[in-house]
């Protein structure tokens, strides 16, 4: 059995969007832009985009303290 862990460090592309499920659970969605640490064949650096979803207290904290352009680190 193998376990994988991912670290994503980048900037939010828009303000986090928070909603509440019908059962009362907070959910926050956001998008993170990550600059690659190496240049492509053309000499420019590409950017990767990741969609992230947080739940419960983490969702509430993200919506409260983060905004477009905020530097974030995600572990999952």
N, C-alpha and C. Protein backbone atom coordinates (compact mmCIF):
# COMPACT_ATOMS: atom_id res chain seq x y z
N UNK A 1 0.84 -1.18 0.00
CA UNK A 1 0.00 0.00 0.00
C UNK A 1 0.88 1.24 0.00
N UNK A 2 0.56 2.20 -0.86
CA UNK A 2 1.32 3.44 -0.89
C UNK A 2 0.40 4.61 -0.56
N UNK A 3 0.98 5.58 0.06
CA UNK A 3 0.24 6.79 0.42
C UNK A 3 0.95 7.97 -0.22
N UNK A 4 0.20 8.80 -0.91
CA UNK A 4 0.77 9.97 -1.56
C UNK A 4 0.36 11.23 -0.82
N UNK A 5 1.25 12.20 -0.78
CA UNK A 5 0.95 13.49 -0.18
C UNK A 5 1.37 14.56 -1.17
N UNK A 6 0.52 15.56 -1.34
CA UNK A 6 0.78 16.64 -2.28
C UNK A 6 0.85 17.96 -1.54
N UNK A 7 1.82 18.78 -1.91
CA UNK A 7 1.95 20.14 -1.40
C UNK A 7 1.76 21.09 -2.56
N UNK A 8 0.82 22.01 -2.43
CA UNK A 8 0.55 23.00 -3.48
C UNK A 8 0.73 24.38 -2.85
N UNK A 9 1.64 25.17 -3.42
CA UNK A 9 1.87 26.53 -2.92
C UNK A 9 1.69 27.47 -4.10
N UNK A 10 0.78 28.42 -3.93
CA UNK A 10 0.50 29.36 -5.02
C UNK A 10 -0.36 30.52 -4.54
N UNK A 11 -0.99 31.19 -5.49
CA UNK A 11 -1.82 32.34 -5.19
C UNK A 11 -3.26 32.09 -5.64
N UNK A 12 -4.21 32.63 -4.87
CA UNK A 12 -5.63 32.49 -5.23
C UNK A 12 -5.92 33.32 -6.47
N UNK A 13 -6.67 32.74 -7.41
CA UNK A 13 -7.01 33.44 -8.64
C UNK A 13 -8.29 34.27 -8.50
N UNK A 14 -9.05 34.02 -7.46
CA UNK A 14 -10.28 34.77 -7.19
C UNK A 14 -10.60 34.65 -5.70
N UNK A 15 -11.53 35.45 -5.21
CA UNK A 15 -11.95 35.35 -3.81
C UNK A 15 -12.59 33.99 -3.57
N UNK A 16 -12.35 33.39 -2.39
CA UNK A 16 -12.98 32.10 -2.06
C UNK A 16 -14.51 32.24 -2.04
N UNK A 17 -15.19 31.18 -2.48
CA UNK A 17 -16.65 31.16 -2.49
C UNK A 17 -17.13 30.18 -1.41
N UNK A 18 -17.87 30.70 -0.41
CA UNK A 18 -18.35 29.83 0.66
C UNK A 18 -19.85 29.61 0.51
N UNK A 19 -20.28 28.39 0.77
CA UNK A 19 -21.68 27.99 0.75
C UNK A 19 -21.93 27.07 1.93
N UNK A 20 -23.19 26.80 2.18
CA UNK A 20 -23.59 25.88 3.25
C UNK A 20 -24.46 24.80 2.63
N UNK A 21 -24.16 23.54 2.91
CA UNK A 21 -24.96 22.43 2.39
C UNK A 21 -26.32 22.42 3.09
N UNK A 22 -27.31 21.71 2.54
CA UNK A 22 -28.63 21.62 3.20
C UNK A 22 -28.54 21.07 4.63
N UNK A 23 -27.51 20.28 4.93
CA UNK A 23 -27.36 19.74 6.28
C UNK A 23 -26.59 20.68 7.20
N UNK A 24 -26.21 21.87 6.70
CA UNK A 24 -25.56 22.86 7.55
C UNK A 24 -24.05 22.83 7.59
N UNK A 25 -23.40 22.13 6.67
CA UNK A 25 -21.94 22.03 6.64
C UNK A 25 -21.38 23.11 5.70
N UNK A 26 -20.41 23.88 6.18
CA UNK A 26 -19.77 24.92 5.37
C UNK A 26 -18.82 24.28 4.36
N UNK A 27 -18.85 24.82 3.14
CA UNK A 27 -17.95 24.35 2.08
C UNK A 27 -17.43 25.57 1.32
N UNK A 28 -16.12 25.60 1.09
CA UNK A 28 -15.48 26.74 0.42
C UNK A 28 -14.71 26.24 -0.79
N UNK A 29 -14.93 26.91 -1.93
CA UNK A 29 -14.23 26.54 -3.16
C UNK A 29 -13.34 27.69 -3.59
N UNK A 30 -12.13 27.33 -4.06
CA UNK A 30 -11.20 28.34 -4.53
C UNK A 30 -10.28 27.75 -5.59
N UNK A 31 -9.62 28.61 -6.33
CA UNK A 31 -8.71 28.20 -7.39
C UNK A 31 -7.33 28.78 -7.10
N UNK A 32 -6.29 27.95 -7.27
CA UNK A 32 -4.92 28.35 -6.96
C UNK A 32 -4.07 28.28 -8.22
N UNK A 33 -3.30 29.34 -8.48
CA UNK A 33 -2.36 29.36 -9.59
C UNK A 33 -0.97 29.08 -9.04
N UNK A 34 -0.27 28.13 -9.67
CA UNK A 34 1.07 27.73 -9.24
C UNK A 34 2.03 27.94 -10.40
N UNK A 35 3.05 28.77 -10.19
CA UNK A 35 4.08 28.99 -11.21
C UNK A 35 5.06 27.82 -11.21
N UNK A 36 5.37 27.33 -12.38
CA UNK A 36 6.36 26.25 -12.48
C UNK A 36 7.76 26.81 -12.21
N UNK A 37 8.61 25.99 -11.64
CA UNK A 37 9.95 26.45 -11.28
C UNK A 37 10.95 26.33 -12.42
N UNK A 38 10.50 25.90 -13.60
CA UNK A 38 11.38 25.76 -14.75
C UNK A 38 10.71 26.37 -15.98
N UNK A 39 11.52 26.75 -16.95
CA UNK A 39 11.00 27.36 -18.17
C UNK A 39 10.73 26.28 -19.22
N UNK A 40 9.77 26.56 -20.11
CA UNK A 40 9.48 25.63 -21.20
C UNK A 40 10.47 25.85 -22.35
N UNK A 41 10.28 25.16 -23.45
CA UNK A 41 11.22 25.27 -24.58
C UNK A 41 11.29 26.69 -25.14
N UNK A 42 10.22 27.45 -25.01
CA UNK A 42 10.18 28.83 -25.49
C UNK A 42 10.83 29.81 -24.54
N UNK A 43 11.22 29.35 -23.34
CA UNK A 43 11.87 30.22 -22.37
C UNK A 43 10.93 30.88 -21.38
N UNK A 44 9.62 30.68 -21.53
CA UNK A 44 8.69 31.26 -20.57
C UNK A 44 8.26 30.22 -19.54
N UNK A 45 7.76 30.68 -18.42
CA UNK A 45 7.32 29.78 -17.35
C UNK A 45 5.81 29.59 -17.42
N UNK A 46 5.38 28.36 -17.37
CA UNK A 46 3.95 28.05 -17.42
C UNK A 46 3.35 28.14 -16.02
N UNK A 47 2.03 28.22 -15.99
CA UNK A 47 1.27 28.27 -14.73
C UNK A 47 0.27 27.13 -14.73
N UNK A 48 0.16 26.43 -13.60
CA UNK A 48 -0.84 25.38 -13.43
C UNK A 48 -1.92 25.90 -12.49
N UNK A 49 -3.18 25.48 -12.75
CA UNK A 49 -4.31 25.91 -11.93
C UNK A 49 -4.93 24.69 -11.25
N UNK A 50 -5.22 24.84 -9.96
CA UNK A 50 -5.81 23.76 -9.17
C UNK A 50 -7.08 24.27 -8.50
N UNK A 51 -8.16 23.49 -8.59
CA UNK A 51 -9.40 23.79 -7.87
C UNK A 51 -9.34 23.05 -6.53
N UNK A 52 -9.64 23.78 -5.45
CA UNK A 52 -9.55 23.23 -4.11
C UNK A 52 -10.88 23.43 -3.39
N UNK A 53 -11.30 22.42 -2.64
CA UNK A 53 -12.51 22.50 -1.83
C UNK A 53 -12.16 22.22 -0.38
N UNK A 54 -12.57 23.11 0.52
CA UNK A 54 -12.36 22.95 1.96
C UNK A 54 -13.71 22.80 2.64
N UNK A 55 -13.73 22.12 3.78
CA UNK A 55 -14.97 21.83 4.49
C UNK A 55 -14.91 22.33 5.93
N UNK A 56 -16.07 22.57 6.51
CA UNK A 56 -16.31 22.89 7.91
C UNK A 56 -15.50 24.11 8.38
N UNK A 57 -14.81 24.02 9.50
CA UNK A 57 -14.10 25.17 10.09
C UNK A 57 -13.02 25.69 9.15
N UNK A 58 -12.35 24.80 8.43
CA UNK A 58 -11.33 25.24 7.48
C UNK A 58 -11.96 26.10 6.40
N UNK A 59 -13.13 25.73 5.92
CA UNK A 59 -13.85 26.51 4.91
C UNK A 59 -14.19 27.89 5.44
N UNK A 60 -14.66 27.96 6.66
CA UNK A 60 -15.02 29.25 7.25
C UNK A 60 -13.80 30.15 7.41
N UNK A 61 -12.68 29.58 7.85
CA UNK A 61 -11.45 30.36 8.02
C UNK A 61 -10.91 30.85 6.68
N UNK A 62 -10.94 30.01 5.66
CA UNK A 62 -10.48 30.41 4.33
C UNK A 62 -11.31 31.58 3.80
N UNK A 63 -12.62 31.48 3.92
CA UNK A 63 -13.50 32.54 3.42
C UNK A 63 -13.30 33.83 4.21
N UNK A 64 -12.97 33.71 5.48
CA UNK A 64 -12.82 34.89 6.34
C UNK A 64 -11.49 35.61 6.11
N UNK A 65 -10.40 34.86 5.93
CA UNK A 65 -9.07 35.46 5.92
C UNK A 65 -8.39 35.54 4.55
N UNK A 66 -8.88 34.82 3.55
CA UNK A 66 -8.22 34.81 2.25
C UNK A 66 -8.97 35.65 1.24
N UNK A 67 -8.24 36.16 0.24
CA UNK A 67 -8.84 36.92 -0.84
C UNK A 67 -8.01 36.70 -2.10
N UNK A 68 -8.50 37.19 -3.22
CA UNK A 68 -7.79 37.04 -4.49
C UNK A 68 -6.35 37.53 -4.33
N UNK A 69 -5.39 36.72 -4.79
CA UNK A 69 -3.99 37.09 -4.72
C UNK A 69 -3.26 36.60 -3.47
N UNK A 70 -4.01 36.12 -2.48
CA UNK A 70 -3.39 35.62 -1.24
C UNK A 70 -2.48 34.42 -1.54
N UNK A 71 -1.31 34.39 -0.91
CA UNK A 71 -0.41 33.24 -1.01
C UNK A 71 -0.94 32.16 -0.08
N UNK A 72 -1.12 30.94 -0.60
CA UNK A 72 -1.64 29.84 0.20
C UNK A 72 -0.79 28.58 0.02
N UNK A 73 -0.82 27.73 1.01
CA UNK A 73 -0.19 26.43 0.94
C UNK A 73 -1.23 25.38 1.28
N UNK A 74 -1.34 24.36 0.44
CA UNK A 74 -2.33 23.29 0.61
C UNK A 74 -1.58 21.97 0.74
N UNK A 75 -1.98 21.16 1.71
CA UNK A 75 -1.43 19.81 1.86
C UNK A 75 -2.60 18.83 1.78
N UNK A 76 -2.44 17.82 0.96
CA UNK A 76 -3.53 16.85 0.84
C UNK A 76 -3.07 15.55 0.24
